[in-house]
Amino acid sequence: MGRYVVRRLLQMIPVFIGTTFLIFVMVYAVGDPVNAMFGERAPDPATAEQLREEFNLDKPIWQQYVLYMGNIFTGDFGNAFNGQPVTELMATAFPITIRLAALAIVFEILVGITLGVLTGLRRGRPIDSGVLMLTLVVISVPTFVTGSLAQYLLGVKWGWISPAVSPAAPLRELLLPGLVLALVSLAYVTRLTRTSIAENARADYVRTAVAKGLSRRRVTVRHLLRNSLIPVVTFLGTDVGNLMAGALVTERIFNIHGVGFQLWQGIVRQNSPTVVGFVTVLVIVFLLANLLVDLLYAVLDPRIRYA
């Protein structure tokens, strides 16, 4: 197991370099960040030259990337064009988005897997058809529609919650945004679990366990569910990064100043250091989440061994 983890970590290095280089090129090679700082006003040539030199924009793109990555390994993600360090923006944005994504994952696991098990064990019955129809509706409706409707009904019309999340973003205020963020993924988790449970319920090992006299609950939890969770864990592992990066719509609706909000601000203002810095961290999250998923395979299925 230890050698496998080391090998996977080494494999992440070229993936990380290639991904971040492509992002860096796409962000810095499109448009002129210095001109974007001044909006419609043309910058003074001397000031523009000074800014390009300060942000290394006067150097070739590959050299800019090498200098940028060298600073990252020392913990320096550079400064936004307003002079604020990108690490300060990360320190305020990432904790909020992590709490929001964690709530979404909890909803997906508790609600999605529970519904998937219930429908998988009762395939073809009314509860199965009803849940399938409901998940199809959830997948079909865009997140901004669901979020706006929930905000209006629960926050504005009925007054059950605050329509907007305060800057501190406590957990109780993130419950509804977390549910809205999780809805589409929750529907996929439900359908994946249902399909996997329904297929494995007809497997020989399940019939053997029942024939040995094991209780239905033990067969379901210890054998059926454990073997059925592998595709679900795969989806959840990739969904962690998607939730953090894809929280843009939810954060905009509920006025949450998290990663999605900062990325949106950086893109609109063409604030290249902010965009590249945040996306670089999200790449690391994706890579680590996929490594964790591979390790969980061995926990769920004892037949899987890593050399």
C-alpha atoms as a PDB file:
ATOM      1  CA  MET A   1       0.000   0.000   0.000  1.00  0.00           C
ATOM      2  CA  GLY A   2       2.797   2.405   0.913  1.00  0.00           C
ATOM      3  CA  ARG A   3       4.590   1.885  -2.398  1.00  0.00           C
ATOM      4  CA  TYR A   4       1.328   2.382  -4.265  1.00  0.00           C
ATOM      5  CA  VAL A   5       0.690   5.714  -2.523  1.00  0.00           C
ATOM      6  CA  VAL A   6       4.230   6.887  -3.313  1.00  0.00           C
ATOM      7  CA  ARG A   7       3.822   5.846  -6.954  1.00  0.00           C
ATOM      8  CA  ARG A   8       0.511   7.664  -7.227  1.00  0.00           C
ATOM      9  CA  LEU A   9       1.984  10.802  -5.673  1.00  0.00           C
ATOM     10  CA  LEU A  10       4.805  10.717  -8.211  1.00  0.00           C
ATOM     11  CA  GLN A  11       2.271  10.298 -11.022  1.00  0.00           C
ATOM     12  CA  MET A  12       0.477  13.393  -9.795  1.00  0.00           C
ATOM     13  CA  ILE A  13       3.503  15.593 -10.467  1.00  0.00           C
ATOM     14  CA  PRO A  14       3.331  15.600 -14.303  1.00  0.00           C
ATOM     15  CA  VAL A  15      -0.467  15.806 -14.156  1.00  0.00           C
ATOM     16  CA  PHE A  16      -0.243  18.818 -11.839  1.00  0.00           C
ATOM     17  CA  ILE A  17       2.390  20.539 -13.973  1.00  0.00           C
ATOM     18  CA  GLY A  18       0.532  19.920 -17.227  1.00  0.00           C
ATOM     19  CA  THR A  19      -2.827  21.037 -15.864  1.00  0.00           C
ATOM     20  CA  THR A  20      -1.560  24.174 -14.162  1.00  0.00           C
ATOM     21  CA  PHE A  21       0.500  25.125 -17.219  1.00  0.00           C
ATOM     22  CA  LEU A  22      -2.548  24.907 -19.480  1.00  0.00           C
ATOM     23  CA  ILE A  23      -4.574  26.992 -17.026  1.00  0.00           C
ATOM     24  CA  PHE A  24      -1.763  29.519 -16.733  1.00  0.00           C
ATOM     25  CA  VAL A  25      -1.461  29.876 -20.504  1.00  0.00           C
ATOM     26  CA  MET A  26      -5.219  30.186 -21.033  1.00  0.00           C
ATOM     27  CA  VAL A  27      -5.540  32.887 -18.358  1.00  0.00           C
ATOM     28  CA  TYR A  28      -2.448  34.949 -19.131  1.00  0.00           C
ATOM     29  CA  ALA A  29      -2.291  34.546 -22.906  1.00  0.00           C
ATOM     30  CA  VAL A  30      -5.855  35.768 -23.507  1.00  0.00           C
ATOM     31  CA  GLY A  31      -6.227  39.538 -23.327  1.00  0.00           C
ATOM     32  CA  ASP A  32      -4.065  42.033 -21.475  1.00  0.00           C
ATOM     33  CA  PRO A  33      -4.502  41.932 -17.677  1.00  0.00           C
ATOM     34  CA  VAL A  34      -2.934  45.376 -17.267  1.00  0.00           C
ATOM     35  CA  ASN A  35      -5.400  47.030 -19.651  1.00  0.00           C
ATOM     36  CA  ALA A  36      -8.219  45.196 -17.867  1.00  0.00           C
ATOM     37  CA  MET A  37      -7.212  46.862 -14.601  1.00  0.00           C
ATOM     38  CA  PHE A  38      -7.973  50.302 -16.025  1.00  0.00           C
ATOM     39  CA  GLY A  39     -11.239  49.384 -17.696  1.00  0.00           C
ATOM     40  CA  GLU A  40     -12.185  51.709 -20.523  1.00  0.00           C
ATOM     41  CA  ARG A  41      -9.432  54.186 -19.665  1.00  0.00           C
ATOM     42  CA  ALA A  42      -6.142  53.664 -21.441  1.00  0.00           C
ATOM     43  CA  PRO A  43      -3.313  53.219 -18.922  1.00  0.00           C
ATOM     44  CA  ASP A  44      -0.304  55.491 -18.891  1.00  0.00           C
ATOM     45  CA  PRO A  45       2.481  53.710 -20.851  1.00  0.00           C
ATOM     46  CA  ALA A  46       4.998  54.134 -18.026  1.00  0.00           C
ATOM     47  CA  THR A  47       2.537  52.816 -15.442  1.00  0.00           C
ATOM     48  CA  ALA A  48       1.562  49.914 -17.666  1.00  0.00           C
ATOM     49  CA  GLU A  49       5.203  48.987 -18.195  1.00  0.00           C
ATOM     50  CA  GLN A  50       5.880  49.156 -14.463  1.00  0.00           C
ATOM     51  CA  LEU A  51       2.916  46.857 -13.717  1.00  0.00           C
ATOM     52  CA  ARG A  52       3.967  44.377 -16.399  1.00  0.00           C
ATOM     53  CA  GLU A  53       7.437  44.264 -14.888  1.00  0.00           C
ATOM     54  CA  GLU A  54       6.028  43.877 -11.357  1.00  0.00           C
ATOM     55  CA  PHE A  55       3.816  40.943 -12.334  1.00  0.00           C
ATOM     56  CA  ASN A  56       6.443  39.433 -14.712  1.00  0.00           C
ATOM     57  CA  LEU A  57       4.131  40.012 -17.680  1.00  0.00           C
ATOM     58  CA  ASP A  58       7.045  41.328 -19.747  1.00  0.00           C
ATOM     59  CA  LYS A  59       8.674  37.874 -19.808  1.00  0.00           C
ATOM     60  CA  PRO A  60       7.894  34.875 -22.072  1.00  0.00           C
ATOM     61  CA  ILE A  61       4.912  32.823 -20.951  1.00  0.00           C
ATOM     62  CA  TRP A  62       6.996  29.765 -20.018  1.00  0.00           C
ATOM     63  CA  GLN A  63       9.263  31.901 -17.860  1.00  0.00           C
ATOM     64  CA  GLN A  64       6.252  33.488 -16.175  1.00  0.00           C
ATOM     65  CA  TYR A  65       4.988  29.991 -15.357  1.00  0.00           C
ATOM     66  CA  VAL A  66       8.334  28.832 -13.939  1.00  0.00           C
ATOM     67  CA  LEU A  67       8.596  31.925 -11.738  1.00  0.00           C
ATOM     68  CA  TYR A  68       4.990  31.536 -10.609  1.00  0.00           C
ATOM     69  CA  MET A  69       5.393  27.859  -9.693  1.00  0.00           C
ATOM     70  CA  GLY A  70       8.627  28.623  -7.857  1.00  0.00           C
ATOM     71  CA  ASN A  71       6.775  31.155  -5.713  1.00  0.00           C
ATOM     72  CA  ILE A  72       3.897  28.734  -5.074  1.00  0.00           C
ATOM     73  CA  PHE A  73       6.208  26.164  -3.500  1.00  0.00           C
ATOM     74  CA  THR A  74       7.246  28.830  -1.006  1.00  0.00           C
ATOM     75  CA  GLY A  75       3.594  29.588  -0.201  1.00  0.00           C
ATOM     76  CA  ASP A  76       3.464  32.791  -2.247  1.00  0.00           C
ATOM     77  CA  PHE A  77       0.542  32.868  -4.687  1.00  0.00           C
ATOM     78  CA  GLY A  78       1.274  36.451  -5.647  1.00  0.00           C
ATOM     79  CA  ASN A  79      -0.862  39.539  -5.259  1.00  0.00           C
ATOM     80  CA  ALA A  80      -4.113  40.476  -6.887  1.00  0.00           C
ATOM     81  CA  PHE A  81      -4.029  43.563  -9.073  1.00  0.00           C
ATOM     82  CA  ASN A  82      -5.387  45.614  -6.183  1.00  0.00           C
ATOM     83  CA  GLY A  83      -2.310  44.691  -4.136  1.00  0.00           C
ATOM     84  CA  GLN A  84      -4.051  42.223  -1.805  1.00  0.00           C
ATOM     85  CA  PRO A  85      -2.211  38.889  -1.419  1.00  0.00           C
ATOM     86  CA  VAL A  86      -4.061  36.002  -3.020  1.00  0.00           C
ATOM     87  CA  THR A  87      -3.397  33.914   0.104  1.00  0.00           C
ATOM     88  CA  GLU A  88      -5.521  36.354   2.116  1.00  0.00           C
ATOM     89  CA  LEU A  89      -8.415  35.845  -0.295  1.00  0.00           C
ATOM     90  CA  MET A  90      -7.936  32.083   0.008  1.00  0.00           C
ATOM     91  CA  ALA A  91      -7.870  32.255   3.802  1.00  0.00           C
ATOM     92  CA  THR A  92     -11.330  33.833   3.814  1.00  0.00           C
ATOM     93  CA  ALA A  93     -12.892  31.986   0.861  1.00  0.00           C
ATOM     94  CA  PHE A  94     -11.780  28.366   1.218  1.00  0.00           C
ATOM     95  CA  PRO A  95     -13.039  27.753   4.789  1.00  0.00           C
ATOM     96  CA  ILE A  96     -16.510  28.922   3.740  1.00  0.00           C
ATOM     97  CA  THR A  97     -16.608  26.797   0.599  1.00  0.00           C
ATOM     98  CA  ILE A  98     -15.187  23.785   2.437  1.00  0.00           C
ATOM     99  CA  ARG A  99     -18.043  24.009   4.967  1.00  0.00           C
ATOM    100  CA  LEU A 100     -20.548  24.396   2.143  1.00  0.00           C
ATOM    101  CA  ALA A 101     -19.108  21.453   0.175  1.00  0.00           C
ATOM    102  CA  ALA A 102     -18.923  19.302   3.328  1.00  0.00           C
ATOM    103  CA  LEU A 103     -22.611  19.896   4.002  1.00  0.00           C
ATOM    104  CA  ALA A 104     -23.414  19.006   0.399  1.00  0.00           C
ATOM    105  CA  ILE A 105     -21.415  15.770   0.671  1.00  0.00           C
ATOM    106  CA  VAL A 106     -23.235  14.872   3.909  1.00  0.00           C
ATOM    107  CA  PHE A 107     -26.597  15.393   2.195  1.00  0.00           C
ATOM    108  CA  GLU A 108     -25.485  13.266  -0.745  1.00  0.00           C
ATOM    109  CA  ILE A 109     -24.280  10.425   1.477  1.00  0.00           C
ATOM    110  CA  LEU A 110     -27.145  10.371   3.977  1.00  0.00           C
ATOM    111  CA  VAL A 111     -30.074  11.113   1.688  1.00  0.00           C
ATOM    112  CA  GLY A 112     -28.749   9.833  -1.648  1.00  0.00           C
ATOM    113  CA  ILE A 113     -27.453   6.463  -0.444  1.00  0.00           C
ATOM    114  CA  THR A 114     -30.502   5.892   1.791  1.00  0.00           C
ATOM    115  CA  LEU A 115     -32.916   6.528  -1.071  1.00  0.00           C
ATOM    116  CA  GLY A 116     -30.774   4.430  -3.387  1.00  0.00           C
ATOM    117  CA  VAL A 117     -30.831   1.454  -1.026  1.00  0.00           C
ATOM    118  CA  LEU A 118     -34.592   1.729  -0.473  1.00  0.00           C
ATOM    119  CA  THR A 119     -35.382   1.922  -4.183  1.00  0.00           C
ATOM    120  CA  GLY A 120     -32.820  -0.727  -5.109  1.00  0.00           C
ATOM    121  CA  LEU A 121     -34.348  -3.234  -2.706  1.00  0.00           C
ATOM    122  CA  ARG A 122     -37.870  -2.350  -3.928  1.00  0.00           C
ATOM    123  CA  ARG A 123     -37.187  -2.169  -7.628  1.00  0.00           C
ATOM    124  CA  GLY A 124     -40.335  -1.796  -9.712  1.00  0.00           C
ATOM    125  CA  ARG A 125     -42.537  -0.792  -6.778  1.00  0.00           C
ATOM    126  CA  PRO A 126     -44.302   2.581  -6.407  1.00  0.00           C
ATOM    127  CA  ILE A 127     -41.580   4.026  -4.153  1.00  0.00           C
ATOM    128  CA  ASP A 128     -38.978   3.136  -6.778  1.00  0.00           C
ATOM    129  CA  SER A 129     -40.918   4.805  -9.592  1.00  0.00           C
ATOM    130  CA  GLY A 130     -41.631   7.883  -7.465  1.00  0.00           C
ATOM    131  CA  VAL A 131     -38.014   8.406  -6.450  1.00  0.00           C
ATOM    132  CA  LEU A 132     -36.785   7.871 -10.012  1.00  0.00           C
ATOM    133  CA  MET A 133     -39.239  10.471 -11.290  1.00  0.00           C
ATOM    134  CA  LEU A 134     -38.227  12.912  -8.545  1.00  0.00           C
ATOM    135  CA  THR A 135     -34.508  12.518  -9.270  1.00  0.00           C
ATOM    136  CA  LEU A 136     -35.150  13.056 -12.966  1.00  0.00           C
ATOM    137  CA  VAL A 137     -36.939  16.321 -12.184  1.00  0.00           C
ATOM    138  CA  VAL A 138     -34.062  17.437  -9.922  1.00  0.00           C
ATOM    139  CA  ILE A 139     -31.484  16.678 -12.614  1.00  0.00           C
ATOM    140  CA  SER A 140     -33.521  18.502 -15.252  1.00  0.00           C
ATOM    141  CA  VAL A 141     -34.023  21.744 -13.297  1.00  0.00           C
ATOM    142  CA  PRO A 142     -30.960  24.072 -13.338  1.00  0.00           C
ATOM    143  CA  THR A 143     -29.381  24.921  -9.995  1.00  0.00           C
ATOM    144  CA  PHE A 144     -30.036  28.643 -10.356  1.00  0.00           C
ATOM    145  CA  VAL A 145     -33.767  27.937 -10.681  1.00  0.00           C
ATOM    146  CA  THR A 146     -33.835  25.642  -7.649  1.00  0.00           C
ATOM    147  CA  GLY A 147     -31.724  28.027  -5.575  1.00  0.00           C
ATOM    148  CA  SER A 148     -33.683  31.135  -6.507  1.00  0.00           C
ATOM    149  CA  LEU A 149     -37.011  29.407  -5.836  1.00  0.00           C
ATOM    150  CA  ALA A 150     -35.862  28.081  -2.448  1.00  0.00           C
ATOM    151  CA  GLN A 151     -34.472  31.480  -1.506  1.00  0.00           C
ATOM    152  CA  TYR A 152     -37.706  33.247  -2.460  1.00  0.00           C
ATOM    153  CA  LEU A 153     -40.092  30.816  -0.775  1.00  0.00           C
ATOM    154  CA  LEU A 154     -38.147  30.035   2.390  1.00  0.00           C
ATOM    155  CA  GLY A 155     -36.368  33.357   2.823  1.00  0.00           C
ATOM    156  CA  VAL A 156     -38.510  36.099   1.312  1.00  0.00           C
ATOM    157  CA  LYS A 157     -42.108  34.868   1.302  1.00  0.00           C
ATOM    158  CA  TRP A 158     -42.262  32.627   4.372  1.00  0.00           C
ATOM    159  CA  GLY A 159     -39.337  34.114   6.305  1.00  0.00           C
ATOM    160  CA  TRP A 160     -38.079  30.794   7.645  1.00  0.00           C
ATOM    161  CA  ILE A 161     -34.447  31.606   6.866  1.00  0.00           C
ATOM    162  CA  SER A 162     -32.322  34.613   6.013  1.00  0.00           C
ATOM    163  CA  PRO A 163     -32.374  35.176   2.213  1.00  0.00           C
ATOM    164  CA  ALA A 164     -28.627  35.888   2.228  1.00  0.00           C
ATOM    165  CA  VAL A 165     -25.762  34.330   4.149  1.00  0.00           C
ATOM    166  CA  SER A 166     -23.824  36.616   6.502  1.00  0.00           C
ATOM    167  CA  PRO A 167     -20.067  37.136   5.917  1.00  0.00           C
ATOM    168  CA  ALA A 168     -19.188  34.738   8.759  1.00  0.00           C
ATOM    169  CA  ALA A 169     -21.255  31.998   7.029  1.00  0.00           C
ATOM    170  CA  PRO A 170     -22.173  29.859  10.096  1.00  0.00           C
ATOM    171  CA  LEU A 171     -23.283  26.292   9.469  1.00  0.00           C
ATOM    172  CA  ARG A 172     -26.947  26.962  10.238  1.00  0.00           C
ATOM    173  CA  GLU A 173     -27.067  29.569   7.461  1.00  0.00           C
ATOM    174  CA  LEU A 174     -25.340  27.212   5.026  1.00  0.00           C
ATOM    175  CA  LEU A 175     -27.850  24.374   5.425  1.00  0.00           C
ATOM    176  CA  LEU A 176     -30.146  25.523   2.615  1.00  0.00           C
ATOM    177  CA  PRO A 177     -27.317  26.534   0.218  1.00  0.00           C
ATOM    178  CA  GLY A 178     -25.641  23.198   0.955  1.00  0.00           C
ATOM    179  CA  LEU A 179     -28.818  21.322   0.077  1.00  0.00           C
ATOM    180  CA  VAL A 180     -29.288  23.351  -3.115  1.00  0.00           C
ATOM    181  CA  LEU A 181     -25.664  22.694  -4.085  1.00  0.00           C
ATOM    182  CA  ALA A 182     -26.051  18.961  -3.403  1.00  0.00           C
ATOM    183  CA  LEU A 183     -29.392  18.378  -5.145  1.00  0.00           C
ATOM    184  CA  VAL A 184     -28.161  17.392  -8.614  1.00  0.00           C
ATOM    185  CA  SER A 185     -25.315  15.245  -7.285  1.00  0.00           C
ATOM    186  CA  LEU A 186     -27.681  13.747  -4.696  1.00  0.00           C
ATOM    187  CA  ALA A 187     -29.981  12.641  -7.502  1.00  0.00           C
ATOM    188  CA  TYR A 188     -27.080  10.957  -9.312  1.00  0.00           C
ATOM    189  CA  VAL A 189     -25.929   9.244  -6.100  1.00  0.00           C
ATOM    190  CA  THR A 190     -29.462   7.925  -5.578  1.00  0.00           C
ATOM    191  CA  ARG A 191     -29.654   6.510  -9.092  1.00  0.00           C
ATOM    192  CA  LEU A 192     -26.147   5.022  -8.943  1.00  0.00           C
ATOM    193  CA  THR A 193     -26.821   3.368  -5.591  1.00  0.00           C
ATOM    194  CA  ARG A 194     -30.178   2.045  -6.753  1.00  0.00           C
ATOM    195  CA  THR A 195     -28.705   0.485  -9.892  1.00  0.00           C
ATOM    196  CA  SER A 196     -25.774  -1.061  -8.040  1.00  0.00           C
ATOM    197  CA  ILE A 197     -27.969  -2.429  -5.228  1.00  0.00           C
ATOM    198  CA  ALA A 198     -30.485  -3.893  -7.674  1.00  0.00           C
ATOM    199  CA  GLU A 199     -27.728  -5.650  -9.661  1.00  0.00           C
ATOM    200  CA  ASN A 200     -25.844  -7.026  -6.659  1.00  0.00           C
ATOM    201  CA  ALA A 201     -29.054  -8.188  -4.931  1.00  0.00           C
ATOM    202  CA  ARG A 202     -29.253 -10.976  -7.516  1.00  0.00           C
ATOM    203  CA  ALA A 203     -25.612 -12.031  -7.039  1.00  0.00           C
ATOM    204  CA  ASP A 204     -24.681 -15.497  -5.773  1.00  0.00           C
ATOM    205  CA  TYR A 205     -22.950 -14.243  -2.633  1.00  0.00           C
ATOM    206  CA  VAL A 206     -26.165 -12.531  -1.494  1.00  0.00           C
ATOM    207  CA  ARG A 207     -28.251 -15.657  -2.012  1.00  0.00           C
ATOM    208  CA  THR A 208     -25.599 -17.689  -0.185  1.00  0.00           C
ATOM    209  CA  ALA A 209     -25.594 -15.290   2.791  1.00  0.00           C
ATOM    210  CA  VAL A 210     -29.399 -15.458   3.001  1.00  0.00           C
ATOM    211  CA  ALA A 211     -29.321 -19.272   2.751  1.00  0.00           C
ATOM    212  CA  LYS A 212     -26.851 -19.417   5.660  1.00  0.00           C
ATOM    213  CA  GLY A 213     -29.493 -17.808   7.851  1.00  0.00           C
ATOM    214  CA  LEU A 214     -28.040 -14.292   8.138  1.00  0.00           C
ATOM    215  CA  SER A 215     -30.577 -11.569   8.841  1.00  0.00           C
ATOM    216  CA  ARG A 216     -31.728  -9.429   5.932  1.00  0.00           C
ATOM    217  CA  ARG A 217     -30.335  -6.312   7.606  1.00  0.00           C
ATOM    218  CA  ARG A 218     -26.889  -7.841   8.073  1.00  0.00           C
ATOM    219  CA  VAL A 219     -26.822  -9.101   4.499  1.00  0.00           C
ATOM    220  CA  THR A 220     -27.755  -5.671   3.217  1.00  0.00           C
ATOM    221  CA  VAL A 221     -25.323  -3.649   5.351  1.00  0.00           C
ATOM    222  CA  ARG A 222     -22.324  -5.997   5.589  1.00  0.00           C
ATOM    223  CA  HIS A 223     -22.387  -7.548   2.129  1.00  0.00           C
ATOM    224  CA  LEU A 224     -24.753  -5.945  -0.365  1.00  0.00           C
ATOM    225  CA  LEU A 225     -24.193  -2.271   0.471  1.00  0.00           C
ATOM    226  CA  ARG A 226     -20.433  -2.591   0.882  1.00  0.00           C
ATOM    227  CA  ASN A 227     -19.962  -4.097  -2.575  1.00  0.00           C
ATOM    228  CA  SER A 228     -22.424  -1.682  -4.152  1.00  0.00           C
ATOM    229  CA  LEU A 229     -20.692   1.482  -2.959  1.00  0.00           C
ATOM    230  CA  ILE A 230     -17.657   1.343  -5.267  1.00  0.00           C
ATOM    231  CA  PRO A 231     -19.266   3.277  -8.178  1.00  0.00           C
ATOM    232  CA  VAL A 232     -20.831   5.673  -5.676  1.00  0.00           C
ATOM    233  CA  VAL A 233     -17.473   6.351  -4.002  1.00  0.00           C
ATOM    234  CA  THR A 234     -15.954   6.985  -7.434  1.00  0.00           C
ATOM    235  CA  PHE A 235     -18.605   9.586  -8.173  1.00  0.00           C
ATOM    236  CA  LEU A 236     -18.301  11.225  -4.751  1.00  0.00           C
ATOM    237  CA  GLY A 237     -14.520  11.473  -5.105  1.00  0.00           C
ATOM    238  CA  THR A 238     -14.739  13.408  -8.347  1.00  0.00           C
ATOM    239  CA  ASP A 239     -17.683  15.389  -7.039  1.00  0.00           C
ATOM    240  CA  VAL A 240     -15.672  16.915  -4.167  1.00  0.00           C
ATOM    241  CA  GLY A 241     -13.724  19.106  -6.562  1.00  0.00           C
ATOM    242  CA  ASN A 242     -16.818  19.830  -8.616  1.00  0.00           C
ATOM    243  CA  LEU A 243     -18.686  21.018  -5.531  1.00  0.00           C
ATOM    244  CA  MET A 244     -15.903  23.415  -4.548  1.00  0.00           C
ATOM    245  CA  ALA A 245     -15.393  24.780  -8.048  1.00  0.00           C
ATOM    246  CA  GLY A 246     -19.028  24.568  -9.096  1.00  0.00           C
ATOM    247  CA  ALA A 247     -20.426  26.440  -6.103  1.00  0.00           C
ATOM    248  CA  LEU A 248     -20.351  29.642  -8.167  1.00  0.00           C
ATOM    249  CA  VAL A 249     -24.098  29.717  -8.878  1.00  0.00           C
ATOM    250  CA  THR A 250     -25.105  28.793  -5.337  1.00  0.00           C
ATOM    251  CA  GLU A 251     -22.709  31.312  -3.790  1.00  0.00           C
ATOM    252  CA  ARG A 252     -23.966  34.067  -6.083  1.00  0.00           C
ATOM    253  CA  ILE A 253     -27.615  33.352  -5.206  1.00  0.00           C
ATOM    254  CA  PHE A 254     -27.065  33.345  -1.441  1.00  0.00           C
ATOM    255  CA  ASN A 255     -24.314  36.010  -1.438  1.00  0.00           C
ATOM    256  CA  ILE A 256     -21.671  33.645  -0.064  1.00  0.00           C
ATOM    257  CA  HIS A 257     -18.132  34.989  -0.375  1.00  0.00           C
ATOM    258  CA  GLY A 258     -16.455  31.671  -1.040  1.00  0.00           C
ATOM    259  CA  VAL A 259     -14.264  30.215  -3.771  1.00  0.00           C
ATOM    260  CA  GLY A 260     -16.926  30.522  -6.472  1.00  0.00           C
ATOM    261  CA  PHE A 261     -17.486  34.180  -5.632  1.00  0.00           C
ATOM    262  CA  GLN A 262     -13.757  34.971  -5.746  1.00  0.00           C
ATOM    263  CA  LEU A 263     -13.339  33.105  -9.034  1.00  0.00           C
ATOM    264  CA  TRP A 264     -16.250  35.007 -10.532  1.00  0.00           C
ATOM    265  CA  GLN A 265     -14.783  38.318  -9.371  1.00  0.00           C
ATOM    266  CA  GLY A 266     -11.380  37.363 -10.775  1.00  0.00           C
ATOM    267  CA  ILE A 267     -12.805  36.345 -14.152  1.00  0.00           C
ATOM    268  CA  VAL A 268     -14.991  39.437 -14.527  1.00  0.00           C
ATOM    269  CA  ARG A 269     -12.128  41.767 -13.585  1.00  0.00           C
ATOM    270  CA  GLN A 270      -9.546  39.668 -15.468  1.00  0.00           C
ATOM    271  CA  ASN A 271      -7.599  39.396 -12.232  1.00  0.00           C
ATOM    272  CA  SER A 272      -5.255  36.674 -13.463  1.00  0.00           C
ATOM    273  CA  PRO A 273      -3.289  35.990 -10.216  1.00  0.00           C
ATOM    274  CA  THR A 274      -6.532  35.354  -8.328  1.00  0.00           C
ATOM    275  CA  VAL A 275      -7.958  33.008 -10.964  1.00  0.00           C
ATOM    276  CA  VAL A 276      -4.752  30.994 -11.415  1.00  0.00           C
ATOM    277  CA  GLY A 277      -4.118  30.770  -7.667  1.00  0.00           C
ATOM    278  CA  PHE A 278      -7.576  29.477  -6.815  1.00  0.00           C
ATOM    279  CA  VAL A 279      -7.697  27.040  -9.726  1.00  0.00           C
ATOM    280  CA  THR A 280      -4.246  25.690  -8.810  1.00  0.00           C
ATOM    281  CA  VAL A 281      -5.497  24.795  -5.333  1.00  0.00           C
ATOM    282  CA  LEU A 282      -8.609  23.188  -6.837  1.00  0.00           C
ATOM    283  CA  VAL A 283      -6.378  21.016  -9.056  1.00  0.00           C
ATOM    284  CA  ILE A 284      -4.609  19.770  -5.919  1.00  0.00           C
ATOM    285  CA  VAL A 285      -8.011  19.019  -4.337  1.00  0.00           C
ATOM    286  CA  PHE A 286      -9.042  16.994  -7.404  1.00  0.00           C
ATOM    287  CA  LEU A 287      -5.829  14.965  -7.369  1.00  0.00           C
ATOM    288  CA  LEU A 288      -5.973  14.205  -3.645  1.00  0.00           C
ATOM    289  CA  ALA A 289      -9.672  13.297  -3.837  1.00  0.00           C
ATOM    290  CA  ASN A 290      -8.971  10.782  -6.605  1.00  0.00           C
ATOM    291  CA  LEU A 291      -6.128   9.259  -4.575  1.00  0.00           C
ATOM    292  CA  LEU A 292      -8.453   8.911  -1.579  1.00  0.00           C
ATOM    293  CA  VAL A 293     -11.062   7.196  -3.761  1.00  0.00           C
ATOM    294  CA  ASP A 294      -8.520   4.626  -4.948  1.00  0.00           C
ATOM    295  CA  LEU A 295      -7.535   3.878  -1.360  1.00  0.00           C
ATOM    296  CA  LEU A 296     -11.179   3.478  -0.329  1.00  0.00           C
ATOM    297  CA  TYR A 297     -11.617   0.772  -2.958  1.00  0.00           C
ATOM    298  CA  ALA A 298      -9.429  -1.543  -0.894  1.00  0.00           C
ATOM    299  CA  VAL A 299     -11.460  -0.777   2.224  1.00  0.00           C
ATOM    300  CA  LEU A 300     -14.784  -1.538   0.529  1.00  0.00           C
ATOM    301  CA  ASP A 301     -13.630  -4.586  -1.400  1.00  0.00           C
ATOM    302  CA  PRO A 302     -11.042  -6.859   0.327  1.00  0.00           C
ATOM    303  CA  ARG A 303     -10.263  -8.464  -3.040  1.00  0.00           C
ATOM    304  CA  ILE A 304      -8.596  -5.241  -4.193  1.00  0.00           C
ATOM    305  CA  ARG A 305      -4.950  -5.081  -3.220  1.00  0.00           C
ATOM    306  CA  TYR A 306      -2.357  -2.487  -4.139  1.00  0.00           C
ATOM    307  CA  ALA A 307       1.265  -3.510  -4.559  1.00  0.00           C
END
